Amino acid sequence: MKFRESLFWDTKPEKIDFKKNATYVIERVMDFGRDDEVKWLWNYYDKSLLKKVVEQSRALRPETKALWTLLLKTA
């Protein structure tokens, strides 16, 4: 997946390791991702990891956390 530089404004997107930096990537895409980026996230990462990030994140906006909590209840 080729991400927008504006999504990862504090680093170079091509240097991100999607496994090693999973929490960072998940938080950014959940908070600021476009439809295609969110679809990639949904298909790329295991739902249990997404749930864990949502539960433990201190970076996600409250409204993002609430939305993803609901979306992941049925996943």
C-alpha atoms as a PDB file:
ATOM      1  CA  MET A   1       0.000   0.000   0.000  1.00  0.00           C
ATOM      2  CA  LYS A   2       1.283   3.453  -0.867  1.00  0.00           C
ATOM      3  CA  PHE A   3       0.242   5.894   1.824  1.00  0.00           C
ATOM      4  CA  ARG A   4      -0.092   9.654   1.564  1.00  0.00           C
ATOM      5  CA  GLU A   5       2.777  11.588   3.083  1.00  0.00           C
ATOM      6  CA  SER A   6       0.236  13.718   4.949  1.00  0.00           C
ATOM      7  CA  LEU A   7      -0.963  10.624   6.822  1.00  0.00           C
ATOM      8  CA  PHE A   8       2.523  10.008   8.180  1.00  0.00           C
ATOM      9  CA  TRP A   9       3.699  13.611   8.359  1.00  0.00           C
ATOM     10  CA  ASP A  10       6.391  12.890  10.936  1.00  0.00           C
ATOM     11  CA  THR A  11       8.217  10.169   8.981  1.00  0.00           C
ATOM     12  CA  LYS A  12       8.706   8.844   5.471  1.00  0.00           C
ATOM     13  CA  PRO A  13       5.883   6.418   4.645  1.00  0.00           C
ATOM     14  CA  GLU A  14       8.143   4.185   2.539  1.00  0.00           C
ATOM     15  CA  LYS A  15      10.378   3.530   5.573  1.00  0.00           C
ATOM     16  CA  ILE A  16       7.587   2.247   7.814  1.00  0.00           C
ATOM     17  CA  ASP A  17       7.706  -1.430   8.763  1.00  0.00           C
ATOM     18  CA  PHE A  18       4.032  -2.453   8.885  1.00  0.00           C
ATOM     19  CA  LYS A  19       4.687  -5.335  11.288  1.00  0.00           C
ATOM     20  CA  LYS A  20       7.163  -3.663  13.629  1.00  0.00           C
ATOM     21  CA  ASN A  21       5.284  -0.345  13.722  1.00  0.00           C
ATOM     22  CA  ALA A  22       1.788  -1.841  13.653  1.00  0.00           C
ATOM     23  CA  THR A  23       0.373   0.226  16.518  1.00  0.00           C
ATOM     24  CA  TYR A  24       1.609   3.464  14.978  1.00  0.00           C
ATOM     25  CA  VAL A  25       0.192   2.585  11.550  1.00  0.00           C
ATOM     26  CA  ILE A  26      -3.142   1.390  12.949  1.00  0.00           C
ATOM     27  CA  GLU A  27      -3.650   4.528  15.042  1.00  0.00           C
ATOM     28  CA  ARG A  28      -2.863   6.868  12.157  1.00  0.00           C
ATOM     29  CA  VAL A  29      -5.080   5.082   9.665  1.00  0.00           C
ATOM     30  CA  MET A  30      -7.945   4.746  12.136  1.00  0.00           C
ATOM     31  CA  ASP A  31      -7.804   8.443  12.978  1.00  0.00           C
ATOM     32  CA  PHE A  32      -6.936  10.025   9.623  1.00  0.00           C
ATOM     33  CA  GLY A  33      -7.170   7.361   6.900  1.00  0.00           C
ATOM     34  CA  ARG A  34      -9.209   7.599   3.724  1.00  0.00           C
ATOM     35  CA  ASP A  35     -11.546   4.821   2.622  1.00  0.00           C
ATOM     36  CA  ASP A  36      -8.898   2.924   0.651  1.00  0.00           C
ATOM     37  CA  GLU A  37      -6.422   3.129   3.549  1.00  0.00           C
ATOM     38  CA  VAL A  38      -9.001   1.923   6.065  1.00  0.00           C
ATOM     39  CA  LYS A  39      -9.960  -0.947   3.754  1.00  0.00           C
ATOM     40  CA  TRP A  40      -6.288  -1.941   3.526  1.00  0.00           C
ATOM     41  CA  LEU A  41      -5.996  -1.772   7.344  1.00  0.00           C
ATOM     42  CA  TRP A  42      -9.081  -3.948   7.785  1.00  0.00           C
ATOM     43  CA  ASN A  43      -7.726  -6.603   5.428  1.00  0.00           C
ATOM     44  CA  TYR A  44      -4.053  -6.443   6.438  1.00  0.00           C
ATOM     45  CA  TYR A  45      -4.147  -6.679  10.234  1.00  0.00           C
ATOM     46  CA  ASP A  46      -5.746  -9.335  12.400  1.00  0.00           C
ATOM     47  CA  LYS A  47      -8.946  -8.132  14.077  1.00  0.00           C
ATOM     48  CA  SER A  48      -7.628  -9.107  17.517  1.00  0.00           C
ATOM     49  CA  LEU A  49      -4.677  -6.744  17.019  1.00  0.00           C
ATOM     50  CA  LEU A  50      -7.000  -3.937  15.920  1.00  0.00           C
ATOM     51  CA  LYS A  51      -9.129  -4.486  19.046  1.00  0.00           C
ATOM     52  CA  LYS A  52      -6.045  -4.461  21.263  1.00  0.00           C
ATOM     53  CA  VAL A  53      -4.808  -1.197  19.768  1.00  0.00           C
ATOM     54  CA  VAL A  54      -8.204   0.458  20.192  1.00  0.00           C
ATOM     55  CA  GLU A  55      -8.458  -0.697  23.810  1.00  0.00           C
ATOM     56  CA  GLN A  56      -4.937   0.385  24.783  1.00  0.00           C
ATOM     57  CA  SER A  57      -4.380   3.469  22.642  1.00  0.00           C
ATOM     58  CA  ARG A  58      -3.802   6.825  24.273  1.00  0.00           C
ATOM     59  CA  ALA A  59      -3.373   8.498  20.885  1.00  0.00           C
ATOM     60  CA  LEU A  60      -6.732   7.809  19.239  1.00  0.00           C
ATOM     61  CA  ARG A  61      -9.334  10.558  19.378  1.00  0.00           C
ATOM     62  CA  PRO A  62     -12.342   9.647  21.574  1.00  0.00           C
ATOM     63  CA  GLU A  63     -14.767   9.640  18.636  1.00  0.00           C
ATOM     64  CA  THR A  64     -12.433   7.387  16.642  1.00  0.00           C
ATOM     65  CA  LYS A  65     -12.113   5.019  19.576  1.00  0.00           C
ATOM     66  CA  ALA A  66     -15.902   4.856  19.964  1.00  0.00           C
ATOM     67  CA  LEU A  67     -16.463   4.142  16.259  1.00  0.00           C
ATOM     68  CA  TRP A  68     -13.825   1.414  16.054  1.00  0.00           C
ATOM     69  CA  THR A  69     -15.059  -0.191  19.282  1.00  0.00           C
ATOM     70  CA  LEU A  70     -18.472  -0.580  17.643  1.00  0.00           C
ATOM     71  CA  LEU A  71     -17.049  -1.779  14.319  1.00  0.00           C
ATOM     72  CA  LEU A  72     -14.868  -4.398  15.983  1.00  0.00           C
ATOM     73  CA  LYS A  73     -17.620  -5.805  18.219  1.00  0.00           C
ATOM     74  CA  THR A  74     -18.920  -7.946  15.377  1.00  0.00           C
ATOM     75  CA  ALA A  75     -15.525  -8.732  13.827  1.00  0.00           C
END
